[in-house]
Amino acid sequence: MCELCNQMTSHAPLARRHVLKFAAAAAAATGLAIAPQAQAATAKAPPKPENVLSPDAALKRLMAGNARYVEGVSRRHDFKHEREILSSGQNPFAAVLSCADSRIVPEFCFDVARGDVFVCRVAGNFASDDIVASFEYAVSVLNTPLIMVLGHDACGAVDATVKSVKDGTTLPGHLPALVDAIRPAVQAVQGEAGDILANAIRRNVTLTVDRLKAMAPILKAAADNNRISVVGGVYKLKTGKVELVG
């Protein structure tokens, strides 16, 4: 047998185990029965036991971290002593969908350590299919109890969409993909009192929260069964405070 074939054969059982683990977790999220022996085979102690929380407790911990960040009393996180335990796995207590804006860093603004938050980032913090799939993995395999959609004020992606919708212009390159994703939020706040950009930013967050809650079969089943909470927030650039919206 050639060396390549030998490598493929030796790695096949490992690959199958990962596939079976994800399939079993996804089935559990949708309410399908799994044999007790299969559950026992994949069960193991979580790397960070303190991250095993209810959805409400997870949100409380996230917001407490933001309060420390706002006050300038963030904890010192010693990453060295966590490396070994996290090399065997992860169990983040929250997942965050954040804008890719360089001024918003979820790990900083929620004052968390490695292995605490599962972060997906894209300009305009909208839930593409890839991000939905990532959160399905977080919920089904990592048992993450909380998803936060985190927008921020003065968002350039939302502002560009507002101007594109208003002027009827098409942006260059692949930017229209961002506009198409954010457009429903901008259209939804047309005619509302107040600043259209601020209104669109908040509506973009709430629409994304609603989308994630409705994504069957995995996220919808978990939300309907109160296994997870999906919440929205807006990060304030001047203060660092995350204001919950919904």
Protein backbone atom coordinates (compact mmCIF):
# COMPACT_ATOMS: atom_id res chain seq x y z
CA MET A 1 0.00 0.00 0.00
CA CYS A 2 1.36 3.45 -0.89
CA GLU A 3 2.13 5.98 1.86
CA LEU A 4 -0.85 8.21 0.93
CA CYS A 5 -3.31 5.31 1.07
CA ASN A 6 -1.85 4.24 4.40
CA GLN A 7 -2.34 7.76 5.82
CA MET A 8 -5.92 7.93 4.55
CA THR A 9 -6.71 4.56 6.08
CA SER A 10 -5.18 5.47 9.43
CA HIS A 11 -7.13 8.75 9.66
CA ALA A 12 -10.49 7.35 8.54
CA PRO A 13 -11.67 6.18 11.99
CA LEU A 14 -10.92 9.61 13.46
CA ALA A 15 -12.84 11.38 10.71
CA ARG A 16 -15.80 9.03 11.15
CA ARG A 17 -15.84 9.70 14.89
CA HIS A 18 -16.06 13.46 14.30
CA VAL A 19 -18.89 13.02 11.79
CA LEU A 20 -20.79 10.69 14.10
CA LYS A 21 -20.36 13.05 17.04
CA PHE A 22 -21.80 15.99 15.12
CA ALA A 23 -24.64 13.89 13.72
CA ALA A 24 -25.55 12.60 17.17
CA ALA A 25 -25.49 16.10 18.66
CA ALA A 26 -27.61 17.48 15.83
CA ALA A 27 -30.11 14.70 16.30
CA ALA A 28 -30.33 15.49 20.00
CA ALA A 29 -31.01 19.15 19.24
CA THR A 30 -33.91 18.21 17.01
CA GLY A 31 -35.40 15.79 19.52
CA LEU A 32 -34.32 12.52 17.89
CA ALA A 33 -33.55 9.59 20.18
CA ILE A 34 -29.95 8.43 20.54
CA ALA A 35 -28.96 5.11 22.06
CA PRO A 36 -27.66 5.45 25.66
CA GLN A 37 -24.45 3.63 24.78
CA ALA A 38 -23.77 6.15 21.99
CA GLN A 39 -24.26 9.04 24.39
CA ALA A 40 -21.96 7.46 26.96
CA ALA A 41 -19.28 6.93 24.33
CA THR A 42 -19.08 10.64 23.50
CA ALA A 43 -19.67 12.04 27.01
CA LYS A 44 -16.68 13.53 28.81
CA ALA A 45 -15.97 16.23 31.34
CA PRO A 46 -16.00 19.73 29.79
CA PRO A 47 -12.64 21.53 29.60
CA LYS A 48 -14.05 24.52 31.52
CA PRO A 49 -16.73 23.35 34.00
CA GLU A 50 -17.48 26.96 34.95
CA ASN A 51 -18.82 27.46 31.42
CA VAL A 52 -21.66 24.97 31.91
CA LEU A 53 -24.43 27.51 32.44
CA SER A 54 -28.11 28.08 31.81
CA PRO A 55 -28.95 30.59 29.06
CA ASP A 56 -29.93 33.21 31.65
CA ALA A 57 -26.76 32.69 33.67
CA ALA A 58 -24.67 32.88 30.50
CA LEU A 59 -26.20 36.26 29.59
CA LYS A 60 -25.68 37.53 33.13
CA ARG A 61 -22.01 36.54 33.01
CA LEU A 62 -21.54 38.13 29.59
CA MET A 63 -23.04 41.44 30.71
CA ALA A 64 -21.07 41.42 33.98
CA GLY A 65 -17.92 41.16 31.89
CA ASN A 66 -19.04 44.12 29.79
CA ALA A 67 -19.64 46.15 32.95
CA ARG A 68 -16.04 45.49 34.06
CA TYR A 69 -14.79 46.50 30.62
CA VAL A 70 -16.74 49.76 30.69
CA GLU A 71 -15.36 50.58 34.14
CA GLY A 72 -11.80 49.80 33.08
CA VAL A 73 -11.35 46.98 35.59
CA SER A 74 -11.04 44.03 33.20
CA ARG A 75 -9.47 40.91 34.68
CA ARG A 76 -5.97 39.77 33.85
CA HIS A 77 -6.34 36.58 31.80
CA ASP A 78 -3.43 34.20 32.09
CA PHE A 79 -3.65 32.22 28.86
CA LYS A 80 -0.68 29.99 29.63
CA HIS A 81 -2.34 27.80 32.24
CA GLU A 82 -5.40 27.22 29.98
CA ARG A 83 -3.53 25.98 26.94
CA GLU A 84 -3.23 22.36 27.99
CA ILE A 85 -6.85 21.87 29.06
CA LEU A 86 -8.19 23.65 25.97
CA SER A 87 -6.05 21.55 23.66
CA SER A 88 -8.46 18.69 24.31
CA GLY A 89 -11.66 20.58 23.48
CA GLN A 90 -13.86 23.59 24.15
CA ASN A 91 -17.19 24.46 25.75
CA PRO A 92 -17.80 28.21 25.29
CA PHE A 93 -20.66 29.61 27.36
CA ALA A 94 -21.69 32.08 24.65
CA ALA A 95 -21.56 32.52 20.89
CA VAL A 96 -21.31 36.02 19.45
CA LEU A 97 -22.11 37.25 15.95
CA SER A 98 -20.20 40.52 15.69
CA CYS A 99 -19.44 43.06 13.02
CA ALA A 100 -15.93 42.75 11.55
CA ASP A 101 -15.24 46.38 12.52
CA SER A 102 -11.77 46.53 14.11
CA ARG A 103 -13.07 48.63 17.00
CA ILE A 104 -15.37 45.90 18.28
CA VAL A 105 -13.64 42.89 19.84
CA PRO A 106 -16.08 40.58 21.68
CA GLU A 107 -13.35 38.93 23.77
CA PHE A 108 -12.35 42.36 25.08
CA CYS A 109 -15.74 44.02 25.48
CA PHE A 110 -17.10 41.03 27.44
CA ASP A 111 -13.84 40.53 29.38
CA VAL A 112 -13.56 36.81 28.72
CA ALA A 113 -10.73 34.33 28.39
CA ARG A 114 -9.85 31.80 25.71
CA GLY A 115 -12.46 29.09 25.32
CA ASP A 116 -15.27 31.28 26.69
CA VAL A 117 -16.90 32.72 23.56
CA PHE A 118 -17.41 31.26 20.08
CA VAL A 119 -17.14 34.26 17.75
CA CYS A 120 -18.26 34.74 14.14
CA ARG A 121 -17.61 38.10 12.49
CA VAL A 122 -18.79 39.71 9.27
CA ALA A 123 -19.28 43.33 8.24
CA GLY A 124 -22.87 44.18 9.19
CA ASN A 125 -23.24 41.25 11.64
CA PHE A 126 -25.84 39.39 9.56
CA ALA A 127 -26.44 35.64 9.63
CA SER A 128 -25.26 34.10 6.38
CA ASP A 129 -25.69 30.36 5.82
CA ASP A 130 -22.07 29.79 6.86
CA ILE A 131 -22.60 31.62 10.14
CA VAL A 132 -25.85 29.75 10.81
CA ALA A 133 -23.99 26.48 10.28
CA SER A 134 -21.22 27.63 12.63
CA PHE A 135 -23.75 28.38 15.36
CA GLU A 136 -25.44 25.04 14.76
CA TYR A 137 -22.07 23.46 15.51
CA ALA A 138 -21.67 25.57 18.66
CA VAL A 139 -25.11 24.62 19.96
CA SER A 140 -25.15 20.95 18.91
CA VAL A 141 -21.58 19.90 19.58
CA LEU A 142 -20.21 22.43 22.06
CA ASN A 143 -23.48 22.83 24.03
CA THR A 144 -23.28 26.62 23.95
CA PRO A 145 -26.39 28.00 25.72
CA LEU A 146 -26.40 31.60 24.45
CA ILE A 147 -26.10 33.39 21.11
CA MET A 148 -25.69 37.16 21.00
CA VAL A 149 -26.01 39.22 17.82
CA LEU A 150 -23.79 42.25 18.45
CA GLY A 151 -24.23 45.34 16.32
CA HIS A 152 -22.60 48.71 16.96
CA ASP A 153 -23.34 52.36 16.41
CA ALA A 154 -21.94 54.13 13.33
CA CYS A 155 -21.75 50.83 11.45
CA GLY A 156 -20.20 51.44 8.03
CA ALA A 157 -21.86 48.43 6.40
CA VAL A 158 -25.32 49.56 7.49
CA ASP A 159 -24.56 53.16 6.54
CA ALA A 160 -23.47 52.07 3.04
CA THR A 161 -26.72 50.12 2.69
CA VAL A 162 -28.78 53.13 3.78
CA LYS A 163 -27.08 55.27 1.13
CA SER A 164 -27.39 52.57 -1.55
CA VAL A 165 -31.11 52.16 -0.89
CA LYS A 166 -31.67 55.93 -0.77
CA ASP A 167 -29.71 56.73 -3.94
CA GLY A 168 -30.50 53.55 -5.87
CA THR A 169 -26.81 52.92 -6.47
CA THR A 170 -24.88 49.67 -6.79
CA LEU A 171 -21.60 49.34 -4.90
CA PRO A 172 -18.52 47.89 -6.62
CA GLY A 173 -17.01 44.44 -6.28
CA HIS A 174 -18.69 42.03 -3.88
CA LEU A 175 -20.09 44.78 -1.65
CA PRO A 176 -23.62 44.32 -3.04
CA ALA A 177 -23.72 41.02 -1.10
CA LEU A 178 -23.53 43.02 2.13
CA VAL A 179 -26.18 45.45 0.92
CA ASP A 180 -28.54 42.63 -0.03
CA ALA A 181 -28.21 41.08 3.44
CA ILE A 182 -28.77 44.34 5.32
CA ARG A 183 -31.37 45.87 2.98
CA PRO A 184 -34.43 44.36 4.79
CA ALA A 185 -33.47 46.22 7.98
CA VAL A 186 -33.08 49.52 6.16
CA GLN A 187 -36.37 49.11 4.31
CA ALA A 188 -38.14 48.16 7.56
CA VAL A 189 -37.31 51.49 9.23
CA GLN A 190 -38.21 53.77 6.33
CA GLY A 191 -40.48 56.50 7.68
CA GLU A 192 -39.71 55.84 11.37
CA ALA A 193 -38.99 58.80 13.63
CA GLY A 194 -35.37 59.37 14.64
CA ASP A 195 -32.04 58.75 12.96
CA ILE A 196 -32.39 56.24 10.12
CA LEU A 197 -28.89 54.82 10.60
CA ALA A 198 -29.39 54.17 14.32
CA ASN A 199 -32.83 52.68 13.64
CA ALA A 200 -31.47 50.44 10.88
CA ILE A 201 -28.60 49.22 13.06
CA ARG A 202 -31.00 48.15 15.80
CA ARG A 203 -33.45 46.60 13.32
CA ASN A 204 -30.63 44.69 11.65
CA VAL A 205 -29.82 43.16 15.04
CA THR A 206 -33.40 42.21 15.86
CA LEU A 207 -34.05 40.76 12.40
CA THR A 208 -30.91 38.65 12.70
CA VAL A 209 -31.98 37.43 16.13
CA ASP A 210 -35.33 36.41 14.67
CA ARG A 211 -33.64 34.65 11.76
CA LEU A 212 -31.42 32.60 14.04
CA LYS A 213 -34.32 31.61 16.28
CA ALA A 214 -36.26 30.40 13.25
CA MET A 215 -33.48 28.38 11.64
CA ALA A 216 -34.79 24.81 11.62
CA PRO A 217 -34.05 22.20 12.55
CA ILE A 218 -31.22 22.76 15.04
CA LEU A 219 -31.39 26.34 16.32
CA LYS A 220 -35.20 26.53 16.25
CA ALA A 221 -35.56 23.30 18.21
CA ALA A 222 -33.00 24.41 20.79
CA ALA A 223 -34.66 27.82 21.19
CA ASP A 224 -38.19 26.35 21.37
CA ASN A 225 -37.01 23.92 24.07
CA ASN A 226 -35.30 26.72 26.04
CA ARG A 227 -31.91 25.06 25.62
CA ILE A 228 -30.55 28.29 24.21
CA SER A 229 -31.36 31.99 24.24
CA VAL A 230 -30.74 34.24 21.25
CA VAL A 231 -30.40 37.91 22.17
CA GLY A 232 -29.30 41.15 20.53
CA GLY A 233 -27.09 44.00 21.61
CA VAL A 234 -25.60 47.23 20.28
CA TYR A 235 -22.05 48.24 21.23
CA LYS A 236 -21.58 51.94 21.95
CA LEU A 237 -18.24 53.13 20.59
CA LYS A 238 -17.79 56.05 23.00
CA THR A 239 -18.45 54.10 26.19
CA GLY A 240 -17.85 50.44 25.35
CA LYS A 241 -21.25 49.59 26.81
CA VAL A 242 -23.38 46.88 25.20
CA GLU A 243 -27.06 47.80 25.28
CA LEU A 244 -29.45 44.89 24.93
CA VAL A 245 -32.12 45.29 22.27
CA GLY A 246 -35.20 43.27 21.50
